[in-house]
Amino acid sequence: KTRNPRTYLQRAGTAEATSEERVATRAQAALEFLMNALRVLEGTPLETFEARAGQPAAAIGSARAAVIARGWLSAEPHRLRATAAGLEKLNRLLELFA
């Protein structure tokens, strides 16, 4: 990745200009999903987590319970949504899922 406009234009359209990042593990897929979904104020349905992360909600059950116990995640049974306190501590909240 380049920040220099001239270099960028010289490399545009070549293999050097593209980058690719892959999610290596199921745990990483779950964390990547949560990093985006929990920033949205209304959160996301658990079904969306299962579909996008490719694993059942039970896979994050213990971490979810720990985050709910801290008051950082709402206790809604079918939704993942950070509370106001959870949004303030979002990085720490996400660490519990890592």
PDB file of N, CA and C in Angstrom:
ATOM      1  N   LYS A   1       0.854  -1.175   0.000  1.00  0.00           N
ATOM      2  CA  LYS A   1       0.000   0.000   0.000  1.00  0.00           C
ATOM      3  C   LYS A   1       0.895   1.231   0.000  1.00  0.00           C
ATOM      4  N   THR A   2       0.555   2.161  -0.824  1.00  0.00           N
ATOM      5  CA  THR A   2       1.365   3.372  -0.915  1.00  0.00           C
ATOM      6  C   THR A   2       0.529   4.603  -0.610  1.00  0.00           C
ATOM      7  N   ARG A   3       1.183   5.601  -0.082  1.00  0.00           N
ATOM      8  CA  ARG A   3       0.494   6.853   0.222  1.00  0.00           C
ATOM      9  C   ARG A   3       0.922   7.969  -0.735  1.00  0.00           C
ATOM     10  N   ASN A   4       1.906   7.694  -1.547  1.00  0.00           N
ATOM     11  CA  ASN A   4       2.403   8.679  -2.492  1.00  0.00           C
ATOM     12  C   ASN A   4       1.553   8.628  -3.759  1.00  0.00           C
ATOM     13  N   PRO A   5       0.897   9.732  -4.136  1.00  0.00           N
ATOM     14  CA  PRO A   5       0.011   9.713  -5.311  1.00  0.00           C
ATOM     15  C   PRO A   5       0.711   9.290  -6.605  1.00  0.00           C
ATOM     16  N   ARG A   6       1.934   9.726  -6.816  1.00  0.00           N
ATOM     17  CA  ARG A   6       2.650   9.368  -8.045  1.00  0.00           C
ATOM     18  C   ARG A   6       2.894   7.856  -8.093  1.00  0.00           C
ATOM     19  N   THR A   7       3.346   7.298  -6.991  1.00  0.00           N
ATOM     20  CA  THR A   7       3.580   5.854  -6.928  1.00  0.00           C
ATOM     21  C   THR A   7       2.270   5.098  -7.097  1.00  0.00           C
ATOM     22  N   TYR A   8       1.223   5.605  -6.489  1.00  0.00           N
ATOM     23  CA  TYR A   8      -0.089   4.971  -6.612  1.00  0.00           C
ATOM     24  C   TYR A   8      -0.511   4.903  -8.078  1.00  0.00           C
ATOM     25  N   LEU A   9      -0.389   6.012  -8.785  1.00  0.00           N
ATOM     26  CA  LEU A   9      -0.794   6.041 -10.191  1.00  0.00           C
ATOM     27  C   LEU A   9       0.080   5.132 -11.050  1.00  0.00           C
ATOM     28  N   GLN A  10       1.356   5.043 -10.734  1.00  0.00           N
ATOM     29  CA  GLN A  10       2.246   4.162 -11.492  1.00  0.00           C
ATOM     30  C   GLN A  10       1.870   2.696 -11.288  1.00  0.00           C
ATOM     31  N   ARG A  11       1.416   2.358 -10.100  1.00  0.00           N
ATOM     32  CA  ARG A  11       1.094   0.965  -9.778  1.00  0.00           C
ATOM     33  C   ARG A  11      -0.368   0.604 -10.044  1.00  0.00           C
ATOM     34  N   ALA A  12      -1.205   1.581 -10.295  1.00  0.00           N
ATOM     35  CA  ALA A  12      -2.639   1.327 -10.486  1.00  0.00           C
ATOM     36  C   ALA A  12      -2.864   0.277 -11.568  1.00  0.00           C
ATOM     37  N   GLY A  13      -3.706  -0.681 -11.257  1.00  0.00           N
ATOM     38  CA  GLY A  13      -4.033  -1.731 -12.214  1.00  0.00           C
ATOM     39  C   GLY A  13      -3.064  -2.891 -12.229  1.00  0.00           C
ATOM     40  N   THR A  14      -2.028  -2.841 -11.417  1.00  0.00           N
ATOM     41  CA  THR A  14      -1.062  -3.941 -11.357  1.00  0.00           C
ATOM     42  C   THR A  14      -1.281  -4.751 -10.086  1.00  0.00           C
ATOM     43  N   ALA A  15      -0.630  -5.883 -10.016  1.00  0.00           N
ATOM     44  CA  ALA A  15      -0.734  -6.725  -8.824  1.00  0.00           C
ATOM     45  C   ALA A  15      -0.168  -6.023  -7.594  1.00  0.00           C
ATOM     46  N   GLU A  16       0.795  -5.138  -7.797  1.00  0.00           N
ATOM     47  CA  GLU A  16       1.382  -4.396  -6.679  1.00  0.00           C
ATOM     48  C   GLU A  16       0.372  -3.457  -6.020  1.00  0.00           C
ATOM     49  N   ALA A  17      -0.624  -3.043  -6.769  1.00  0.00           N
ATOM     50  CA  ALA A  17      -1.587  -2.061  -6.261  1.00  0.00           C
ATOM     51  C   ALA A  17      -2.687  -2.691  -5.423  1.00  0.00           C
ATOM     52  N   THR A  18      -2.794  -3.986  -5.471  1.00  0.00           N
ATOM     53  CA  THR A  18      -3.864  -4.642  -4.724  1.00  0.00           C
ATOM     54  C   THR A  18      -3.306  -5.327  -3.490  1.00  0.00           C
ATOM     55  N   SER A  19      -4.154  -5.439  -2.518  1.00  0.00           N
ATOM     56  CA  SER A  19      -3.784  -6.190  -1.325  1.00  0.00           C
ATOM     57  C   SER A  19      -4.939  -7.109  -0.988  1.00  0.00           C
ATOM     58  N   GLU A  20      -4.616  -8.159  -0.306  1.00  0.00           N
ATOM     59  CA  GLU A  20      -5.635  -9.134   0.033  1.00  0.00           C
ATOM     60  C   GLU A  20      -5.393  -9.599   1.455  1.00  0.00           C
ATOM     61  N   GLU A  21      -6.458  -9.639   2.213  1.00  0.00           N
ATOM     62  CA  GLU A  21      -6.365 -10.123   3.577  1.00  0.00           C
ATOM     63  C   GLU A  21      -7.423 -11.195   3.748  1.00  0.00           C
ATOM     64  N   ARG A  22      -7.028 -12.300   4.307  1.00  0.00           N
ATOM     65  CA  ARG A  22      -7.965 -13.405   4.486  1.00  0.00           C
ATOM     66  C   ARG A  22      -8.164 -13.685   5.965  1.00  0.00           C
ATOM     67  N   VAL A  23      -9.369 -14.096   6.278  1.00  0.00           N
ATOM     68  CA  VAL A  23      -9.673 -14.513   7.639  1.00  0.00           C
ATOM     69  C   VAL A  23      -9.234 -15.963   7.759  1.00  0.00           C
ATOM     70  N   ALA A  24      -8.344 -16.231   8.706  1.00  0.00           N
ATOM     71  CA  ALA A  24      -7.713 -17.545   8.783  1.00  0.00           C
ATOM     72  C   ALA A  24      -8.496 -18.566   9.609  1.00  0.00           C
ATOM     73  N   THR A  25      -9.160 -18.131  10.653  1.00  0.00           N
ATOM     74  CA  THR A  25      -9.823 -19.082  11.543  1.00  0.00           C
ATOM     75  C   THR A  25     -11.275 -18.684  11.778  1.00  0.00           C
ATOM     76  N   ARG A  26     -12.027 -19.627  12.316  1.00  0.00           N
ATOM     77  CA  ARG A  26     -13.429 -19.342  12.645  1.00  0.00           C
ATOM     78  C   ARG A  26     -13.516 -18.289  13.745  1.00  0.00           C
ATOM     79  N   ALA A  27     -12.610 -18.364  14.716  1.00  0.00           N
ATOM     80  CA  ALA A  27     -12.600 -17.374  15.797  1.00  0.00           C
ATOM     81  C   ALA A  27     -12.312 -15.987  15.241  1.00  0.00           C
ATOM     82  N   GLN A  28     -11.412 -15.919  14.284  1.00  0.00           N
ATOM     83  CA  GLN A  28     -11.091 -14.632  13.664  1.00  0.00           C
ATOM     84  C   GLN A  28     -12.291 -14.110  12.874  1.00  0.00           C
ATOM     85  N   ALA A  29     -13.013 -14.997  12.210  1.00  0.00           N
ATOM     86  CA  ALA A  29     -14.207 -14.589  11.461  1.00  0.00           C
ATOM     87  C   ALA A  29     -15.254 -14.015  12.412  1.00  0.00           C
ATOM     88  N   ALA A  30     -15.423 -14.654  13.558  1.00  0.00           N
ATOM     89  CA  ALA A  30     -16.386 -14.158  14.548  1.00  0.00           C
ATOM     90  C   ALA A  30     -15.969 -12.786  15.061  1.00  0.00           C
ATOM     91  N   LEU A  31     -14.695 -12.640  15.385  1.00  0.00           N
ATOM     92  CA  LEU A  31     -14.210 -11.364  15.904  1.00  0.00           C
ATOM     93  C   LEU A  31     -14.330 -10.259  14.861  1.00  0.00           C
ATOM     94  N   GLU A  32     -13.988 -10.552  13.621  1.00  0.00           N
ATOM     95  CA  GLU A  32     -14.110  -9.559  12.548  1.00  0.00           C
ATOM     96  C   GLU A  32     -15.562  -9.104  12.403  1.00  0.00           C
ATOM     97  N   PHE A  33     -16.483 -10.050  12.462  1.00  0.00           N
ATOM     98  CA  PHE A  33     -17.892  -9.697  12.365  1.00  0.00           C
ATOM     99  C   PHE A  33     -18.302  -8.806  13.535  1.00  0.00           C
ATOM    100  N   LEU A  34     -17.928  -9.203  14.751  1.00  0.00           N
ATOM    101  CA  LEU A  34     -18.312  -8.445  15.939  1.00  0.00           C
ATOM    102  C   LEU A  34     -17.698  -7.051  15.955  1.00  0.00           C
ATOM    103  N   MET A  35     -16.498  -6.913  15.438  1.00  0.00           N
ATOM    104  CA  MET A  35     -15.851  -5.604  15.392  1.00  0.00           C
ATOM    105  C   MET A  35     -16.695  -4.607  14.604  1.00  0.00           C
ATOM    106  N   ASN A  36     -17.349  -5.078  13.578  1.00  0.00           N
ATOM    107  CA  ASN A  36     -18.199  -4.200  12.770  1.00  0.00           C
ATOM    108  C   ASN A  36     -19.616  -4.103  13.330  1.00  0.00           C
ATOM    109  N   ALA A  37     -20.199  -5.225  13.677  1.00  0.00           N
ATOM    110  CA  ALA A  37     -21.608  -5.255  14.083  1.00  0.00           C
ATOM    111  C   ALA A  37     -21.869  -4.520  15.392  1.00  0.00           C
ATOM    112  N   LEU A  38     -20.950  -4.581  16.331  1.00  0.00           N
ATOM    113  CA  LEU A  38     -21.198  -3.961  17.630  1.00  0.00           C
ATOM    114  C   LEU A  38     -20.983  -2.455  17.620  1.00  0.00           C
ATOM    115  N   ARG A  39     -20.458  -1.923  16.544  1.00  0.00           N
ATOM    116  CA  ARG A  39     -20.331  -0.469  16.422  1.00  0.00           C
ATOM    117  C   ARG A  39     -21.652   0.173  15.984  1.00  0.00           C
ATOM    118  N   VAL A  40     -22.545  -0.633  15.465  1.00  0.00           N
ATOM    119  CA  VAL A  40     -23.856  -0.158  15.027  1.00  0.00           C
ATOM    120  C   VAL A  40     -24.763  -0.099  16.258  1.00  0.00           C
ATOM    121  N   LEU A  41     -25.386   1.038  16.486  1.00  0.00           N
ATOM    122  CA  LEU A  41     -26.163   1.226  17.716  1.00  0.00           C
ATOM    123  C   LEU A  41     -27.265   0.197  17.911  1.00  0.00           C
ATOM    124  N   GLU A  42     -27.918  -0.224  16.835  1.00  0.00           N
ATOM    125  CA  GLU A  42     -29.000  -1.203  16.992  1.00  0.00           C
ATOM    126  C   GLU A  42     -28.489  -2.639  17.055  1.00  0.00           C
ATOM    127  N   GLY A  43     -27.187  -2.830  16.887  1.00  0.00           N
ATOM    128  CA  GLY A  43     -26.630  -4.172  16.966  1.00  0.00           C
ATOM    129  C   GLY A  43     -27.012  -5.012  15.767  1.00  0.00           C
ATOM    130  N   THR A  44     -27.085  -6.318  15.984  1.00  0.00           N
ATOM    131  CA  THR A  44     -27.387  -7.237  14.892  1.00  0.00           C
ATOM    132  C   THR A  44     -28.091  -8.476  15.435  1.00  0.00           C
ATOM    133  N   PRO A  45     -28.958  -9.073  14.650  1.00  0.00           N
ATOM    134  CA  PRO A  45     -29.583 -10.328  15.085  1.00  0.00           C
ATOM    135  C   PRO A  45     -28.542 -11.451  15.170  1.00  0.00           C
ATOM    136  N   LEU A  46     -28.740 -12.366  16.094  1.00  0.00           N
ATOM    137  CA  LEU A  46     -27.833 -13.511  16.213  1.00  0.00           C
ATOM    138  C   LEU A  46     -27.802 -14.330  14.928  1.00  0.00           C
ATOM    139  N   GLU A  47     -28.914 -14.381  14.218  1.00  0.00           N
ATOM    140  CA  GLU A  47     -28.957 -15.133  12.960  1.00  0.00           C
ATOM    141  C   GLU A  47     -27.959 -14.561  11.952  1.00  0.00           C
ATOM    142  N   THR A  48     -27.795 -13.251  11.964  1.00  0.00           N
ATOM    143  CA  THR A  48     -26.837 -12.621  11.053  1.00  0.00           C
ATOM    144  C   THR A  48     -25.416 -13.005  11.445  1.00  0.00           C
ATOM    145  N   PHE A  49     -25.147 -13.040  12.744  1.00  0.00           N
ATOM    146  CA  PHE A  49     -23.837 -13.503  13.202  1.00  0.00           C
ATOM    147  C   PHE A  49     -23.573 -14.913  12.685  1.00  0.00           C
ATOM    148  N   GLU A  50     -24.540 -15.796  12.865  1.00  0.00           N
ATOM    149  CA  GLU A  50     -24.363 -17.190  12.445  1.00  0.00           C
ATOM    150  C   GLU A  50     -24.113 -17.297  10.943  1.00  0.00           C
ATOM    151  N   ALA A  51     -24.847 -16.523  10.168  1.00  0.00           N
ATOM    152  CA  ALA A  51     -24.704 -16.576   8.711  1.00  0.00           C
ATOM    153  C   ALA A  51     -23.369 -15.998   8.249  1.00  0.00           C
ATOM    154  N   ARG A  52     -22.969 -14.875   8.810  1.00  0.00           N
ATOM    155  CA  ARG A  52     -21.763 -14.195   8.331  1.00  0.00           C
ATOM    156  C   ARG A  52     -20.478 -14.752   8.937  1.00  0.00           C
ATOM    157  N   ALA A  53     -20.537 -15.159  10.201  1.00  0.00           N
ATOM    158  CA  ALA A  53     -19.338 -15.700  10.848  1.00  0.00           C
ATOM    159  C   ALA A  53     -19.191 -17.194  10.584  1.00  0.00           C
ATOM    160  N   GLY A  54     -20.264 -17.817  10.086  1.00  0.00           N
ATOM    161  CA  GLY A  54     -20.193 -19.229   9.735  1.00  0.00           C
ATOM    162  C   GLY A  54     -20.119 -20.171  10.919  1.00  0.00           C
ATOM    163  N   GLN A  55     -20.705 -19.775  12.025  1.00  0.00           N
ATOM    164  CA  GLN A  55     -20.708 -20.632  13.208  1.00  0.00           C
ATOM    165  C   GLN A  55     -21.921 -20.329  14.074  1.00  0.00           C
ATOM    166  N   PRO A  56     -22.300 -21.271  14.915  1.00  0.00           N
ATOM    167  CA  PRO A  56     -23.481 -21.054  15.752  1.00  0.00           C
ATOM    168  C   PRO A  56     -23.213 -20.023  16.848  1.00  0.00           C
ATOM    169  N   ALA A  57     -24.276 -19.413  17.318  1.00  0.00           N
ATOM    170  CA  ALA A  57     -24.161 -18.431  18.395  1.00  0.00           C
ATOM    171  C   ALA A  57     -23.548 -19.055  19.645  1.00  0.00           C
ATOM    172  N   ALA A  58     -23.739 -20.347  19.818  1.00  0.00           N
ATOM    173  CA  ALA A  58     -23.170 -21.038  20.981  1.00  0.00           C
ATOM    174  C   ALA A  58     -21.647 -20.941  21.014  1.00  0.00           C
ATOM    175  N   ALA A  59     -21.025 -20.723  19.862  1.00  0.00           N
ATOM    176  CA  ALA A  59     -19.564 -20.620  19.802  1.00  0.00           C
ATOM    177  C   ALA A  59     -19.038 -19.423  20.584  1.00  0.00           C
ATOM    178  N   ILE A  60     -19.869 -18.406  20.751  1.00  0.00           N
ATOM    179  CA  ILE A  60     -19.454 -17.227  21.517  1.00  0.00           C
ATOM    180  C   ILE A  60     -20.245 -17.107  22.815  1.00  0.00           C
ATOM    181  N   GLY A  61     -20.920 -18.175  23.191  1.00  0.00           N
ATOM    182  CA  GLY A  61     -21.806 -18.151  24.353  1.00  0.00           C
ATOM    183  C   GLY A  61     -21.148 -17.734  25.650  1.00  0.00           C
ATOM    184  N   SER A  62     -19.994 -18.297  25.974  1.00  0.00           N
ATOM    185  CA  SER A  62     -19.361 -17.962  27.256  1.00  0.00           C
ATOM    186  C   SER A  62     -18.829 -16.532  27.251  1.00  0.00           C
ATOM    187  N   ALA A  63     -18.249 -16.098  26.138  1.00  0.00           N
ATOM    188  CA  ALA A  63     -17.765 -14.714  26.050  1.00  0.00           C
ATOM    189  C   ALA A  63     -18.943 -13.748  26.105  1.00  0.00           C
ATOM    190  N   ARG A  64     -20.020 -14.110  25.438  1.00  0.00           N
ATOM    191  CA  ARG A  64     -21.221 -13.263  25.448  1.00  0.00           C
ATOM    192  C   ARG A  64     -21.761 -13.123  26.869  1.00  0.00           C
ATOM    193  N   ALA A  65     -21.810 -14.211  27.606  1.00  0.00           N
ATOM    194  CA  ALA A  65     -22.291 -14.171  28.989  1.00  0.00           C
ATOM    195  C   ALA A  65     -21.399 -13.283  29.855  1.00  0.00           C
ATOM    196  N   ALA A  66     -20.091 -13.359  29.649  1.00  0.00           N
ATOM    197  CA  ALA A  66     -19.154 -12.538  30.424  1.00  0.00           C
ATOM    198  C   ALA A  66     -19.344 -11.054  30.129  1.00  0.00           C
ATOM    199  N   VAL A  67     -19.575 -10.731  28.868  1.00  0.00           N
ATOM    200  CA  VAL A  67     -19.756  -9.333  28.474  1.00  0.00           C
ATOM    201  C   VAL A  67     -21.102  -8.808  28.987  1.00  0.00           C
ATOM    202  N   ILE A  68     -22.123  -9.638  28.954  1.00  0.00           N
ATOM    203  CA  ILE A  68     -23.428  -9.251  29.500  1.00  0.00           C
ATOM    204  C   ILE A  68     -23.303  -9.010  31.004  1.00  0.00           C
ATOM    205  N   ALA A  69     -22.570  -9.879  31.695  1.00  0.00           N
ATOM    206  CA  ALA A  69     -22.386  -9.734  33.146  1.00  0.00           C
ATOM    207  C   ALA A  69     -21.693  -8.420  33.501  1.00  0.00           C
ATOM    208  N   ARG A  70     -20.832  -7.937  32.636  1.00  0.00           N
ATOM    209  CA  ARG A  70     -20.155  -6.656  32.872  1.00  0.00           C
ATOM    210  C   ARG A  70     -21.031  -5.461  32.507  1.00  0.00           C
ATOM    211  N   GLY A  71     -22.165  -5.739  31.885  1.00  0.00           N
ATOM    212  CA  GLY A  71     -23.070  -4.660  31.494  1.00  0.00           C
ATOM    213  C   GLY A  71     -22.693  -4.006  30.180  1.00  0.00           C
ATOM    214  N   TRP A  72     -21.862  -4.670  29.393  1.00  0.00           N
ATOM    215  CA  TRP A  72     -21.384  -4.094  28.144  1.00  0.00           C
ATOM    216  C   TRP A  72     -22.178  -4.560  26.925  1.00  0.00           C
ATOM    217  N   LEU A  73     -22.990  -5.589  27.105  1.00  0.00           N
ATOM    218  CA  LEU A  73     -23.800  -6.122  26.012  1.00  0.00           C
ATOM    219  C   LEU A  73     -25.211  -6.304  26.542  1.00  0.00           C
ATOM    220  N   SER A  74     -26.200  -5.954  25.728  1.00  0.00           N
ATOM    221  CA  SER A  74     -27.585  -6.124  26.169  1.00  0.00           C
ATOM    222  C   SER A  74     -27.891  -7.614  26.303  1.00  0.00           C
ATOM    223  N   ALA A  75     -28.828  -7.924  27.170  1.00  0.00           N
ATOM    224  CA  ALA A  75     -29.175  -9.325  27.434  1.00  0.00           C
ATOM    225  C   ALA A  75     -30.310  -9.810  26.544  1.00  0.00           C
ATOM    226  N   GLU A  76     -30.511  -9.172  25.404  1.00  0.00           N
ATOM    227  CA  GLU A  76     -31.557  -9.596  24.477  1.00  0.00           C
ATOM    228  C   GLU A  76     -31.230 -10.995  23.956  1.00  0.00           C
ATOM    229  N   PRO A  77     -32.186 -11.917  23.987  1.00  0.00           N
ATOM    230  CA  PRO A  77     -31.876 -13.308  23.643  1.00  0.00           C
ATOM    231  C   PRO A  77     -31.504 -13.555  22.180  1.00  0.00           C
ATOM    232  N   HIS A  78     -31.989 -12.745  21.261  1.00  0.00           N
ATOM    233  CA  HIS A  78     -31.745 -13.019  19.840  1.00  0.00           C
ATOM    234  C   HIS A  78     -31.010 -11.888  19.133  1.00  0.00           C
ATOM    235  N   ARG A  79     -30.297 -11.073  19.916  1.00  0.00           N
ATOM    236  CA  ARG A  79     -29.633  -9.910  19.331  1.00  0.00           C
ATOM    237  C   ARG A  79     -28.305  -9.653  20.030  1.00  0.00           C
ATOM    238  N   LEU A  80     -27.335  -9.194  19.275  1.00  0.00           N
ATOM    239  CA  LEU A  80     -26.058  -8.736  19.822  1.00  0.00           C
ATOM    240  C   LEU A  80     -26.047  -7.219  19.710  1.00  0.00           C
ATOM    241  N   ARG A  81     -26.033  -6.542  20.859  1.00  0.00           N
ATOM    242  CA  ARG A  81     -26.051  -5.079  20.847  1.00  0.00           C
ATOM    243  C   ARG A  81     -25.276  -4.574  22.049  1.00  0.00           C
ATOM    244  N   ALA A  82     -24.298  -3.723  21.790  1.00  0.00           N
ATOM    245  CA  ALA A  82     -23.518  -3.136  22.874  1.00  0.00           C
ATOM    246  C   ALA A  82     -24.371  -2.114  23.616  1.00  0.00           C
ATOM    247  N   THR A  83     -24.205  -2.064  24.927  1.00  0.00           N
ATOM    248  CA  THR A  83     -24.869  -1.038  25.728  1.00  0.00           C
ATOM    249  C   THR A  83     -24.058   0.252  25.601  1.00  0.00           C
ATOM    250  N   ALA A  84     -24.555   1.322  26.203  1.00  0.00           N
ATOM    251  CA  ALA A  84     -23.806   2.584  26.188  1.00  0.00           C
ATOM    252  C   ALA A  84     -22.434   2.385  26.829  1.00  0.00           C
ATOM    253  N   ALA A  85     -22.398   1.651  27.938  1.00  0.00           N
ATOM    254  CA  ALA A  85     -21.115   1.373  28.597  1.00  0.00           C
ATOM    255  C   ALA A  85     -20.227   0.510  27.704  1.00  0.00           C
ATOM    256  N   GLY A  86     -20.833  -0.428  26.993  1.00  0.00           N
ATOM    257  CA  GLY A  86     -20.079  -1.291  26.092  1.00  0.00           C
ATOM    258  C   GLY A  86     -19.480  -0.532  24.921  1.00  0.00           C
ATOM    259  N   LEU A  87     -20.219   0.439  24.417  1.00  0.00           N
ATOM    260  CA  LEU A  87     -19.697   1.260  23.323  1.00  0.00           C
ATOM    261  C   LEU A  87     -18.496   2.079  23.786  1.00  0.00           C
ATOM    262  N   GLU A  88     -18.538   2.535  25.030  1.00  0.00           N
ATOM    263  CA  GLU A  88     -17.414   3.298  25.572  1.00  0.00           C
ATOM    264  C   GLU A  88     -16.176   2.427  25.753  1.00  0.00           C
ATOM    265  N   LYS A  89     -16.378   1.147  25.995  1.00  0.00           N
ATOM    266  CA  LYS A  89     -15.273   0.214  26.232  1.00  0.00           C
ATOM    267  C   LYS A  89     -15.222  -0.856  25.144  1.00  0.00           C
ATOM    268  N   LEU A  90     -15.537  -0.467  23.932  1.00  0.00           N
ATOM    269  CA  LEU A  90     -15.699  -1.444  22.857  1.00  0.00           C
ATOM    270  C   LEU A  90     -14.445  -2.286  22.625  1.00  0.00           C
ATOM    271  N   ASN A  91     -13.287  -1.702  22.683  1.00  0.00           N
ATOM    272  CA  ASN A  91     -12.069  -2.493  22.476  1.00  0.00           C
ATOM    273  C   ASN A  91     -11.910  -3.552  23.560  1.00  0.00           C
ATOM    274  N   ARG A  92     -12.166  -3.190  24.798  1.00  0.00           N
ATOM    275  CA  ARG A  92     -12.071  -4.170  25.891  1.00  0.00           C
ATOM    276  C   ARG A  92     -13.151  -5.231  25.747  1.00  0.00           C
ATOM    277  N   LEU A  93     -14.346  -4.816  25.333  1.00  0.00           N
ATOM    278  CA  LEU A  93     -15.436  -5.758  25.100  1.00  0.00           C
ATOM    279  C   LEU A  93     -15.009  -6.790  24.054  1.00  0.00           C
ATOM    280  N   LEU A  94     -14.454  -6.324  22.954  1.00  0.00           N
ATOM    281  CA  LEU A  94     -14.046  -7.220  21.871  1.00  0.00           C
ATOM    282  C   LEU A  94     -12.923  -8.158  22.295  1.00  0.00           C
ATOM    283  N   GLU A  95     -12.059  -7.709  23.186  1.00  0.00           N
ATOM    284  CA  GLU A  95     -10.973  -8.570  23.674  1.00  0.00           C
ATOM    285  C   GLU A  95     -11.517  -9.832  24.336  1.00  0.00           C
ATOM    286  N   LEU A  96     -12.686  -9.737  24.944  1.00  0.00           N
ATOM    287  CA  LEU A  96     -13.269 -10.907  25.601  1.00  0.00           C
ATOM    288  C   LEU A  96     -13.747 -11.951  24.594  1.00  0.00           C
ATOM    289  N   PHE A  97     -13.946 -11.539  23.359  1.00  0.00           N
ATOM    290  CA  PHE A  97     -14.344 -12.474  22.303  1.00  0.00           C
ATOM    291  C   PHE A  97     -13.135 -13.040  21.559  1.00  0.00           C
ATOM    292  N   ALA A  98     -11.968 -12.473  21.789  1.00  0.00           N
ATOM    293  CA  ALA A  98     -10.759 -12.898  21.054  1.00  0.00           C
ATOM    294  C   ALA A  98     -10.186 -14.183  21.612  1.00  0.00           C
TER     295      ALA A  98
END
